[in-house]
Amino acid sequence: MKPADGDPITYAQIASNPVEILNSVYYSTLTYTALGFGDFQPVGFGRLLTTVETGLGAVMLALLVFILGRRAAR
């Protein structure tokens, strides 16, 4: 991933600066919930992973809403 105003974050940077893990969790949360504020951009193979995670997140959230809706209707 690449911050909007910086260089791409690599595994070596995460290993040397564990605070970058929080940025990674933030990015993953935004991707999973399909919000995508634009703080980070996927680069390289991360584009495919981001696409898959966004799709899975949308499906899982839709299932959650469907299941909760059915239970509320009972």
N, C-alpha and C. Protein backbone atom coordinates (compact mmCIF):
# COMPACT_ATOMS: atom_id res chain seq x y z
N MET A 1 0.84 -1.17 0.00
CA MET A 1 0.00 0.00 0.00
C MET A 1 0.88 1.23 0.00
N LYS A 2 0.32 2.30 -0.48
CA LYS A 2 1.07 3.55 -0.59
C LYS A 2 0.22 4.67 -0.01
N PRO A 3 0.75 5.38 0.99
CA PRO A 3 0.01 6.54 1.49
C PRO A 3 -0.17 7.57 0.38
N ALA A 4 -1.22 8.35 0.45
CA ALA A 4 -1.51 9.33 -0.59
C ALA A 4 -0.40 10.37 -0.72
N ASP A 5 0.34 10.61 0.35
CA ASP A 5 1.37 11.65 0.33
C ASP A 5 2.77 11.11 0.60
N GLY A 6 3.02 9.83 0.28
CA GLY A 6 4.34 9.28 0.59
C GLY A 6 4.73 8.13 -0.29
N ASP A 7 5.80 7.46 0.14
CA ASP A 7 6.33 6.30 -0.58
C ASP A 7 5.58 5.04 -0.16
N PRO A 8 5.60 4.01 -1.02
CA PRO A 8 4.92 2.76 -0.65
C PRO A 8 5.49 2.16 0.63
N ILE A 9 4.62 1.55 1.41
CA ILE A 9 5.03 0.88 2.65
C ILE A 9 5.38 -0.55 2.29
N THR A 10 6.57 -0.98 2.70
CA THR A 10 7.06 -2.32 2.39
C THR A 10 7.10 -3.16 3.67
N TYR A 11 7.32 -4.47 3.50
CA TYR A 11 7.44 -5.35 4.65
C TYR A 11 8.63 -4.97 5.51
N ALA A 12 9.70 -4.52 4.89
CA ALA A 12 10.89 -4.11 5.65
C ALA A 12 10.58 -2.91 6.55
N GLN A 13 9.78 -1.98 6.06
CA GLN A 13 9.40 -0.83 6.88
C GLN A 13 8.52 -1.26 8.04
N ILE A 14 7.64 -2.21 7.80
CA ILE A 14 6.76 -2.70 8.87
C ILE A 14 7.59 -3.41 9.94
N ALA A 15 8.61 -4.18 9.51
CA ALA A 15 9.46 -4.89 10.46
C ALA A 15 10.29 -3.91 11.30
N SER A 16 10.75 -2.83 10.68
CA SER A 16 11.58 -1.88 11.41
C SER A 16 10.75 -0.88 12.21
N ASN A 17 9.50 -0.66 11.84
CA ASN A 17 8.64 0.29 12.53
C ASN A 17 7.27 -0.36 12.75
N PRO A 18 7.10 -1.05 13.88
CA PRO A 18 5.85 -1.79 14.12
C PRO A 18 4.59 -0.91 14.12
N VAL A 19 4.71 0.40 14.23
CA VAL A 19 3.55 1.28 14.19
C VAL A 19 2.87 1.19 12.82
N GLU A 20 3.62 0.84 11.79
CA GLU A 20 3.04 0.69 10.45
C GLU A 20 2.00 -0.42 10.39
N ILE A 21 2.03 -1.34 11.36
CA ILE A 21 1.01 -2.38 11.41
C ILE A 21 -0.36 -1.74 11.64
N LEU A 22 -0.41 -0.69 12.44
CA LEU A 22 -1.67 0.01 12.66
C LEU A 22 -2.19 0.63 11.37
N ASN A 23 -1.29 1.17 10.55
CA ASN A 23 -1.69 1.69 9.25
C ASN A 23 -2.24 0.57 8.37
N SER A 24 -1.63 -0.60 8.45
CA SER A 24 -2.08 -1.74 7.66
C SER A 24 -3.46 -2.20 8.10
N VAL A 25 -3.70 -2.24 9.41
CA VAL A 25 -5.02 -2.63 9.93
C VAL A 25 -6.06 -1.59 9.52
N TYR A 26 -5.70 -0.32 9.59
CA TYR A 26 -6.60 0.76 9.17
C TYR A 26 -6.98 0.60 7.70
N TYR A 27 -5.98 0.37 6.86
CA TYR A 27 -6.21 0.19 5.42
C TYR A 27 -7.11 -1.03 5.18
N SER A 28 -6.83 -2.12 5.88
CA SER A 28 -7.61 -3.33 5.70
C SER A 28 -9.06 -3.13 6.13
N THR A 29 -9.26 -2.41 7.23
CA THR A 29 -10.61 -2.14 7.70
C THR A 29 -11.38 -1.29 6.69
N LEU A 30 -10.74 -0.27 6.16
CA LEU A 30 -11.40 0.56 5.15
C LEU A 30 -11.72 -0.23 3.89
N THR A 31 -10.82 -1.13 3.53
CA THR A 31 -11.03 -1.94 2.34
C THR A 31 -12.16 -2.93 2.56
N TYR A 32 -12.17 -3.61 3.72
CA TYR A 32 -13.18 -4.62 4.01
C TYR A 32 -14.58 -4.02 4.05
N THR A 33 -14.68 -2.83 4.60
CA THR A 33 -15.99 -2.19 4.70
C THR A 33 -16.33 -1.39 3.45
N ALA A 34 -15.46 -1.38 2.48
CA ALA A 34 -15.65 -0.71 1.19
C ALA A 34 -15.81 0.81 1.34
N LEU A 35 -15.22 1.38 2.38
CA LEU A 35 -15.28 2.83 2.54
C LEU A 35 -14.27 3.53 1.64
N GLY A 36 -13.01 3.15 1.77
CA GLY A 36 -11.95 3.69 0.92
C GLY A 36 -11.84 5.20 0.94
N PHE A 37 -11.36 5.77 2.03
CA PHE A 37 -11.25 7.22 2.16
C PHE A 37 -10.22 7.83 1.22
N GLY A 38 -9.33 7.04 0.67
CA GLY A 38 -8.31 7.56 -0.23
C GLY A 38 -7.00 7.87 0.46
N ASP A 39 -6.88 7.48 1.74
CA ASP A 39 -5.64 7.70 2.47
C ASP A 39 -4.50 6.87 1.89
N PHE A 40 -4.84 5.67 1.46
CA PHE A 40 -3.85 4.73 0.94
C PHE A 40 -4.29 4.21 -0.42
N GLN A 41 -3.32 3.81 -1.23
CA GLN A 41 -3.60 3.24 -2.54
C GLN A 41 -2.87 1.91 -2.65
N PRO A 42 -3.53 0.88 -3.18
CA PRO A 42 -2.83 -0.39 -3.37
C PRO A 42 -1.85 -0.29 -4.53
N VAL A 43 -0.73 -0.98 -4.39
CA VAL A 43 0.26 -1.03 -5.46
C VAL A 43 0.63 -2.48 -5.72
N GLY A 44 0.98 -2.77 -6.97
CA GLY A 44 1.43 -4.10 -7.34
C GLY A 44 0.39 -5.17 -7.10
N PHE A 45 0.84 -6.28 -6.51
CA PHE A 45 -0.02 -7.43 -6.22
C PHE A 45 -1.11 -7.06 -5.21
N GLY A 46 -0.88 -5.99 -4.44
CA GLY A 46 -1.86 -5.53 -3.47
C GLY A 46 -3.17 -5.11 -4.11
N ARG A 47 -3.13 -4.74 -5.37
CA ARG A 47 -4.38 -4.38 -6.06
C ARG A 47 -5.33 -5.56 -6.15
N LEU A 48 -4.80 -6.72 -6.47
CA LEU A 48 -5.62 -7.93 -6.53
C LEU A 48 -6.15 -8.28 -5.15
N LEU A 49 -5.28 -8.26 -4.15
CA LEU A 49 -5.70 -8.58 -2.80
C LEU A 49 -6.75 -7.59 -2.29
N THR A 50 -6.59 -6.32 -2.64
CA THR A 50 -7.55 -5.31 -2.23
C THR A 50 -8.91 -5.55 -2.89
N THR A 51 -8.90 -5.93 -4.14
CA THR A 51 -10.15 -6.23 -4.85
C THR A 51 -10.87 -7.41 -4.22
N VAL A 52 -10.13 -8.45 -3.91
CA VAL A 52 -10.73 -9.64 -3.29
C VAL A 52 -11.27 -9.29 -1.90
N GLU A 53 -10.51 -8.54 -1.10
CA GLU A 53 -10.95 -8.19 0.24
C GLU A 53 -12.20 -7.30 0.20
N THR A 54 -12.26 -6.38 -0.74
CA THR A 54 -13.44 -5.52 -0.86
C THR A 54 -14.67 -6.35 -1.24
N GLY A 55 -14.50 -7.27 -2.17
CA GLY A 55 -15.62 -8.13 -2.57
C GLY A 55 -16.11 -9.00 -1.42
N LEU A 56 -15.18 -9.60 -0.70
CA LEU A 56 -15.57 -10.44 0.45
C LEU A 56 -16.24 -9.61 1.53
N GLY A 57 -15.72 -8.42 1.77
CA GLY A 57 -16.32 -7.55 2.78
C GLY A 57 -17.74 -7.16 2.42
N ALA A 58 -17.97 -6.83 1.17
CA ALA A 58 -19.32 -6.45 0.74
C ALA A 58 -20.29 -7.62 0.89
N VAL A 59 -19.85 -8.81 0.51
CA VAL A 59 -20.71 -9.99 0.62
C VAL A 59 -20.99 -10.32 2.08
N MET A 60 -19.97 -10.26 2.93
CA MET A 60 -20.16 -10.58 4.34
C MET A 60 -21.09 -9.57 5.02
N LEU A 61 -20.93 -8.29 4.72
CA LEU A 61 -21.80 -7.28 5.31
C LEU A 61 -23.24 -7.44 4.80
N ALA A 62 -23.42 -7.79 3.53
CA ALA A 62 -24.76 -8.02 3.00
C ALA A 62 -25.41 -9.22 3.68
N LEU A 63 -24.65 -10.28 3.91
CA LEU A 63 -25.19 -11.44 4.62
C LEU A 63 -25.57 -11.09 6.05
N LEU A 64 -24.76 -10.27 6.70
CA LEU A 64 -25.06 -9.86 8.07
C LEU A 64 -26.38 -9.08 8.11
N VAL A 65 -26.56 -8.16 7.20
CA VAL A 65 -27.79 -7.38 7.15
C VAL A 65 -28.98 -8.28 6.83
N PHE A 66 -28.82 -9.22 5.92
CA PHE A 66 -29.89 -10.15 5.56
C PHE A 66 -30.30 -11.00 6.76
N ILE A 67 -29.32 -11.56 7.45
CA ILE A 67 -29.62 -12.42 8.59
C ILE A 67 -30.28 -11.64 9.72
N LEU A 68 -29.74 -10.46 10.01
CA LEU A 68 -30.35 -9.65 11.07
C LEU A 68 -31.74 -9.19 10.69
N GLY A 69 -31.97 -8.89 9.42
CA GLY A 69 -33.28 -8.49 8.94
C GLY A 69 -34.30 -9.60 9.08
N ARG A 70 -33.89 -10.81 8.78
CA ARG A 70 -34.79 -11.96 8.92
C ARG A 70 -35.16 -12.20 10.36
N ARG A 71 -34.17 -12.05 11.25
CA ARG A 71 -34.45 -12.28 12.67
C ARG A 71 -35.36 -11.21 13.23
N ALA A 72 -35.20 -9.97 12.77
CA ALA A 72 -36.04 -8.88 13.25
C ALA A 72 -37.47 -9.00 12.75
N ALA A 73 -37.66 -9.64 11.59
CA ALA A 73 -38.99 -9.78 11.00
C ALA A 73 -39.81 -10.87 11.66
N ARG A 74 -39.18 -11.71 12.46
CA ARG A 74 -39.90 -12.81 13.10
C ARG A 74 -40.77 -12.35 14.21
